[in-house]
Amino acid sequence: MSYRNSYLNIACVEYYNTLPFIYGLDNLIPSTINFKLKLGPPSLCTQMYLNAEVDVALVPIGGLNTLPQDYRILENTCIGCNGAVDTVAILSNVPISQVSDLYLDPHSNTSNKLVKVLCDKHWNINPLYHTQQSTYDQESLLAIGDKVFDLESKYQYKYDLGEAWKEMTGLAFVFAVWIARETVLDSNLKILEDAFAEALNHSDKWIPDEVTLSKHRLRQYLTKNIVFQFDDSLREGLHLFNKLIKLPEYGYRINTI
């Protein structure tokens, strides 16, 4: 396959926190690369990669253990936080110490694993976890992504998982990474990484006119809450999270990156 005739299928999460990546793909990829972009929730991006529907995907780290071992991680960019993330949270009408039933989010394996670690080791509670689809009217639930902006006003309490992780460990947290198949040319991956890196320099262009959320709130969220550069602090947090979810009491397994 020649560089000039390269064609890539790319899966990206369809939340506000990927707007810099979308900008990079739409505006900073040279015409020598032809690609088709597919959008979906985090779990669907993992499934599309697993089904060989895409060559490159932004996937939640909690889903890496379901994938074949031949993926490569793009080393410079991710979706993470170093403190409050704002859009991964327990929303509740009772204080966290009184949460007895917690509805998990079907769209994120990673956040579901993280919330169990935090409930056990940080908040010292042991709620009954429900995996069925939430109707978003339960007393306590885990919510991720853009819907948090709509749901948070309906609940008395919001417990941010990024903030809780930082309080418990002192570390940053990685929610999702870009992965690619070994068959993808190194030159194409370099172009993608360069486009994403350059996109981070254009925060004034990330937000399209049609967004319904306050542009001020969204800009604060993207520039203050989300970390896009995959640095050593995020890698250290990822390493610790991997160790925690391999413990027998959680019954989880995930690749060590």
Protein backbone atom coordinates (compact mmCIF):
# COMPACT_ATOMS: atom_id res chain seq x y z
CA MET A 1 0.00 0.00 0.00
CA SER A 2 1.52 3.28 -1.05
CA TYR A 3 1.55 6.37 1.11
CA ARG A 4 -0.31 8.42 -1.48
CA ASN A 5 -3.11 5.88 -1.78
CA SER A 6 -3.48 5.32 1.93
CA TYR A 7 -7.02 5.08 3.25
CA LEU A 8 -7.86 5.00 6.93
CA ASN A 9 -11.05 4.30 8.84
CA ILE A 10 -10.91 6.25 12.10
CA ALA A 11 -13.20 5.94 15.14
CA CYS A 12 -13.49 8.86 17.55
CA VAL A 13 -15.65 9.41 20.62
CA GLU A 14 -18.50 11.81 19.89
CA TYR A 15 -18.24 13.88 23.06
CA TYR A 16 -17.25 17.53 23.47
CA ASN A 17 -13.87 16.47 24.84
CA THR A 18 -12.76 15.29 21.40
CA LEU A 19 -13.41 18.61 19.65
CA PRO A 20 -9.65 19.37 19.34
CA PHE A 21 -9.10 16.01 17.63
CA ILE A 22 -12.06 16.58 15.31
CA TYR A 23 -10.67 19.99 14.41
CA GLY A 24 -7.29 18.42 13.62
CA LEU A 25 -8.82 15.72 11.45
CA ASP A 26 -11.07 18.16 9.59
CA ASN A 27 -8.50 20.87 8.99
CA LEU A 28 -4.92 19.69 9.45
CA ILE A 29 -4.67 16.37 7.62
CA PRO A 30 -3.00 16.71 4.18
CA SER A 31 -4.88 15.58 1.10
CA THR A 32 -2.42 12.71 0.67
CA ILE A 33 -4.37 10.81 3.33
CA ASN A 34 -7.92 9.72 2.60
CA PHE A 35 -9.93 8.77 5.66
CA LYS A 36 -13.45 8.16 6.89
CA LEU A 37 -14.33 9.30 10.39
CA LYS A 38 -16.83 7.31 12.45
CA LEU A 39 -18.22 8.72 15.69
CA GLY A 40 -19.76 6.97 18.67
CA PRO A 41 -19.67 6.53 22.45
CA PRO A 42 -16.46 5.10 23.95
CA SER A 43 -17.72 1.52 24.09
CA LEU A 44 -18.72 1.62 20.41
CA CYS A 45 -15.27 2.89 19.37
CA THR A 46 -13.76 -0.13 21.10
CA GLN A 47 -16.26 -2.43 19.41
CA MET A 48 -15.57 -0.97 15.96
CA TYR A 49 -11.86 -1.60 16.43
CA LEU A 50 -12.54 -5.12 17.71
CA ASN A 51 -14.75 -5.81 14.67
CA ALA A 52 -11.98 -4.57 12.31
CA GLU A 53 -14.23 -1.77 11.08
CA VAL A 54 -11.54 0.85 11.76
CA ASP A 55 -7.75 1.13 11.58
CA VAL A 56 -7.30 3.85 14.20
CA ALA A 57 -9.51 4.48 17.21
CA LEU A 58 -9.80 6.55 20.35
CA VAL A 59 -10.63 3.90 22.94
CA PRO A 60 -11.22 3.94 26.71
CA ILE A 61 -8.36 2.29 28.56
CA GLY A 62 -10.78 -0.02 30.32
CA GLY A 63 -11.53 -1.70 27.00
CA LEU A 64 -7.96 -2.45 25.97
CA ASN A 65 -8.07 -5.89 27.54
CA THR A 66 -10.75 -6.95 25.04
CA LEU A 67 -8.56 -6.18 22.02
CA PRO A 68 -5.95 -8.27 20.21
CA GLN A 69 -2.42 -7.53 21.40
CA ASP A 70 -1.18 -6.12 18.10
CA TYR A 71 -2.33 -2.53 18.61
CA ARG A 72 0.03 0.41 18.92
CA ILE A 73 -0.63 3.41 21.13
CA LEU A 74 -0.10 6.92 19.80
CA GLU A 75 2.31 8.22 22.40
CA ASN A 76 1.62 11.95 22.53
CA THR A 77 -2.12 12.50 22.87
CA CYS A 78 -4.94 11.17 25.02
CA ILE A 79 -8.06 12.16 26.94
CA GLY A 80 -7.17 12.68 30.58
CA CYS A 81 -7.40 14.98 33.55
CA ASN A 82 -5.25 16.18 36.43
CA GLY A 83 -7.96 16.85 38.97
CA ALA A 84 -11.64 17.52 38.28
CA VAL A 85 -12.72 16.27 34.85
CA ASP A 86 -16.31 17.62 35.13
CA THR A 87 -17.94 15.02 32.84
CA VAL A 88 -17.30 11.76 34.72
CA ALA A 89 -19.20 11.89 37.98
CA ILE A 90 -21.51 10.26 40.45
CA LEU A 91 -24.73 12.26 40.52
CA SER A 92 -26.78 11.64 43.63
CA ASN A 93 -29.60 12.95 45.77
CA VAL A 94 -27.92 11.61 48.91
CA PRO A 95 -24.40 12.20 50.25
CA ILE A 96 -21.80 9.76 48.97
CA SER A 97 -21.64 8.03 52.38
CA GLN A 98 -25.33 7.10 51.99
CA VAL A 99 -25.21 5.75 48.42
CA SER A 100 -26.52 2.17 48.58
CA ASP A 101 -27.40 1.57 44.92
CA LEU A 102 -25.38 2.94 42.02
CA TYR A 103 -26.33 2.71 38.36
CA LEU A 104 -23.30 2.37 36.10
CA ASP A 105 -22.91 3.95 32.66
CA PRO A 106 -23.13 1.49 29.74
CA HIS A 107 -20.96 3.71 27.56
CA SER A 108 -17.70 3.46 29.50
CA ASN A 109 -15.94 0.38 30.83
CA THR A 110 -13.16 2.59 32.20
CA SER A 111 -15.36 4.84 34.32
CA ASN A 112 -17.29 1.86 35.67
CA LYS A 113 -14.02 0.30 36.84
CA LEU A 114 -12.75 3.58 38.24
CA VAL A 115 -15.90 4.25 40.24
CA LYS A 116 -15.65 0.82 41.88
CA VAL A 117 -12.05 1.47 42.89
CA LEU A 118 -12.97 4.87 44.32
CA CYS A 119 -16.02 3.63 46.18
CA ASP A 120 -13.92 0.94 47.83
CA LYS A 121 -10.63 2.73 48.49
CA HIS A 122 -11.55 6.42 48.64
CA TRP A 123 -15.13 6.77 49.83
CA ASN A 124 -15.20 3.48 51.76
CA ILE A 125 -18.66 2.48 50.58
CA ASN A 126 -19.93 -0.75 49.03
CA PRO A 127 -23.04 0.04 46.98
CA LEU A 128 -25.00 -2.45 44.92
CA TYR A 129 -23.99 -1.82 41.31
CA HIS A 130 -26.61 -1.95 38.58
CA THR A 131 -25.50 -2.56 35.01
CA GLN A 132 -28.80 -2.13 33.22
CA GLN A 133 -29.41 1.04 31.23
CA SER A 134 -30.00 3.97 33.53
CA THR A 135 -33.18 6.00 33.03
CA TYR A 136 -31.36 8.98 34.57
CA ASP A 137 -33.92 9.36 37.32
CA GLN A 138 -32.39 7.02 39.89
CA GLU A 139 -31.28 8.33 43.27
CA SER A 140 -27.57 7.77 42.45
CA LEU A 141 -25.89 7.07 39.13
CA LEU A 142 -22.59 7.31 37.31
CA ALA A 143 -22.79 9.61 34.28
CA ILE A 144 -20.13 10.29 31.67
CA GLY A 145 -19.77 12.59 28.71
CA ASP A 146 -21.89 15.48 27.48
CA LYS A 147 -25.04 14.32 29.28
CA VAL A 148 -23.46 15.33 32.60
CA PHE A 149 -23.98 18.97 31.63
CA ASP A 150 -27.73 18.34 31.31
CA LEU A 151 -28.15 16.02 34.30
CA GLU A 152 -26.10 17.72 37.02
CA SER A 153 -28.74 20.35 37.82
CA LYS A 154 -31.23 17.57 38.62
CA TYR A 155 -29.18 16.19 41.49
CA GLN A 156 -28.15 17.61 44.85
CA TYR A 157 -24.64 16.15 44.83
CA LYS A 158 -21.95 15.70 42.20
CA TYR A 159 -18.82 13.67 42.95
CA ASP A 160 -16.19 14.15 40.25
CA LEU A 161 -14.17 10.96 39.61
CA GLY A 162 -11.13 12.82 38.30
CA GLU A 163 -11.03 14.96 41.42
CA ALA A 164 -11.52 11.93 43.69
CA TRP A 165 -8.71 10.02 41.92
CA LYS A 166 -6.39 13.01 42.38
CA GLU A 167 -7.30 13.26 46.08
CA MET A 168 -6.68 9.54 46.59
CA THR A 169 -3.46 9.14 44.58
CA GLY A 170 -2.05 12.61 43.86
CA LEU A 171 -1.89 11.57 40.20
CA ALA A 172 -3.47 12.44 36.87
CA PHE A 173 -5.84 10.01 35.16
CA VAL A 174 -6.12 8.75 31.58
CA PHE A 175 -9.57 7.91 30.26
CA ALA A 176 -8.83 7.15 26.61
CA VAL A 177 -5.91 6.69 24.23
CA TRP A 178 -5.50 6.55 20.46
CA ILE A 179 -4.55 3.13 19.12
CA ALA A 180 -3.69 1.88 15.63
CA ARG A 181 -3.26 -1.45 13.92
CA GLU A 182 0.24 -2.61 13.07
CA THR A 183 -0.72 -2.44 9.39
CA VAL A 184 -1.07 1.36 9.52
CA LEU A 185 1.97 3.03 8.00
CA ASP A 186 4.30 4.80 10.41
CA SER A 187 4.21 7.83 8.13
CA ASN A 188 0.42 8.03 8.45
CA LEU A 189 0.56 7.77 12.22
CA LYS A 190 3.13 10.56 12.26
CA ILE A 191 0.77 12.75 10.23
CA LEU A 192 -2.11 12.02 12.61
CA GLU A 193 -0.02 12.77 15.69
CA ASP A 194 1.29 15.98 14.14
CA ALA A 195 -2.25 17.07 13.27
CA PHE A 196 -3.48 16.41 16.81
CA ALA A 197 -0.49 18.22 18.32
CA GLU A 198 -1.00 21.22 16.05
CA ALA A 199 -4.73 21.28 16.83
CA LEU A 200 -3.93 21.83 20.49
CA ASN A 201 -2.42 25.19 19.52
CA HIS A 202 -5.74 26.43 18.10
CA SER A 203 -8.16 26.40 21.03
CA ASP A 204 -9.95 29.39 19.53
CA LYS A 205 -11.08 27.15 16.65
CA TRP A 206 -12.20 24.02 18.49
CA ILE A 207 -15.81 24.96 19.20
CA PRO A 208 -18.23 24.97 16.25
CA ASP A 209 -21.02 27.52 16.10
CA GLU A 210 -23.78 24.92 16.41
CA VAL A 211 -22.95 23.69 19.92
CA THR A 212 -25.84 24.04 22.37
CA LEU A 213 -23.76 24.31 25.54
CA SER A 214 -22.54 27.73 26.61
CA LYS A 215 -19.35 28.39 24.67
CA HIS A 216 -17.75 29.91 27.75
CA ARG A 217 -18.52 26.80 29.82
CA LEU A 218 -17.29 24.55 27.02
CA ARG A 219 -14.06 26.49 26.56
CA GLN A 220 -13.38 26.32 30.30
CA TYR A 221 -14.04 22.60 30.24
CA LEU A 222 -11.71 21.92 27.32
CA THR A 223 -8.88 24.13 28.53
CA LYS A 224 -9.10 23.66 32.31
CA ASN A 225 -10.53 20.17 32.91
CA ILE A 226 -9.30 18.03 30.02
CA VAL A 227 -5.64 17.15 29.46
CA PHE A 228 -4.77 16.11 25.91
CA GLN A 229 -1.01 15.67 26.08
CA PHE A 230 0.04 12.21 27.25
CA ASP A 231 2.77 13.13 29.73
CA ASP A 232 4.62 11.26 32.49
CA SER A 233 2.08 12.16 35.17
CA LEU A 234 -0.70 10.59 33.13
CA ARG A 235 1.40 7.50 32.44
CA GLU A 236 2.10 7.10 36.15
CA GLY A 237 -1.60 7.37 36.93
CA LEU A 238 -2.39 4.84 34.22
CA HIS A 239 0.18 2.41 35.60
CA LEU A 240 -1.34 2.63 39.10
CA PHE A 241 -4.88 2.21 37.78
CA ASN A 242 -3.79 -0.89 35.86
CA LYS A 243 -2.36 -2.37 39.05
CA LEU A 244 -5.48 -1.60 41.07
CA ILE A 245 -7.96 -3.15 38.66
CA LYS A 246 -5.91 -6.34 38.45
CA LEU A 247 -6.41 -6.98 42.16
CA PRO A 248 -8.50 -10.11 42.85
CA GLU A 249 -11.23 -8.23 44.70
CA TYR A 250 -12.13 -6.36 41.50
CA GLY A 251 -11.88 -9.28 39.11
CA TYR A 252 -10.68 -7.04 36.26
CA ARG A 253 -7.83 -7.51 33.86
CA ILE A 254 -6.31 -4.95 31.53
CA ASN A 255 -3.18 -4.68 29.42
CA THR A 256 -0.17 -3.05 31.01
CA ILE A 257 0.91 -0.23 28.73
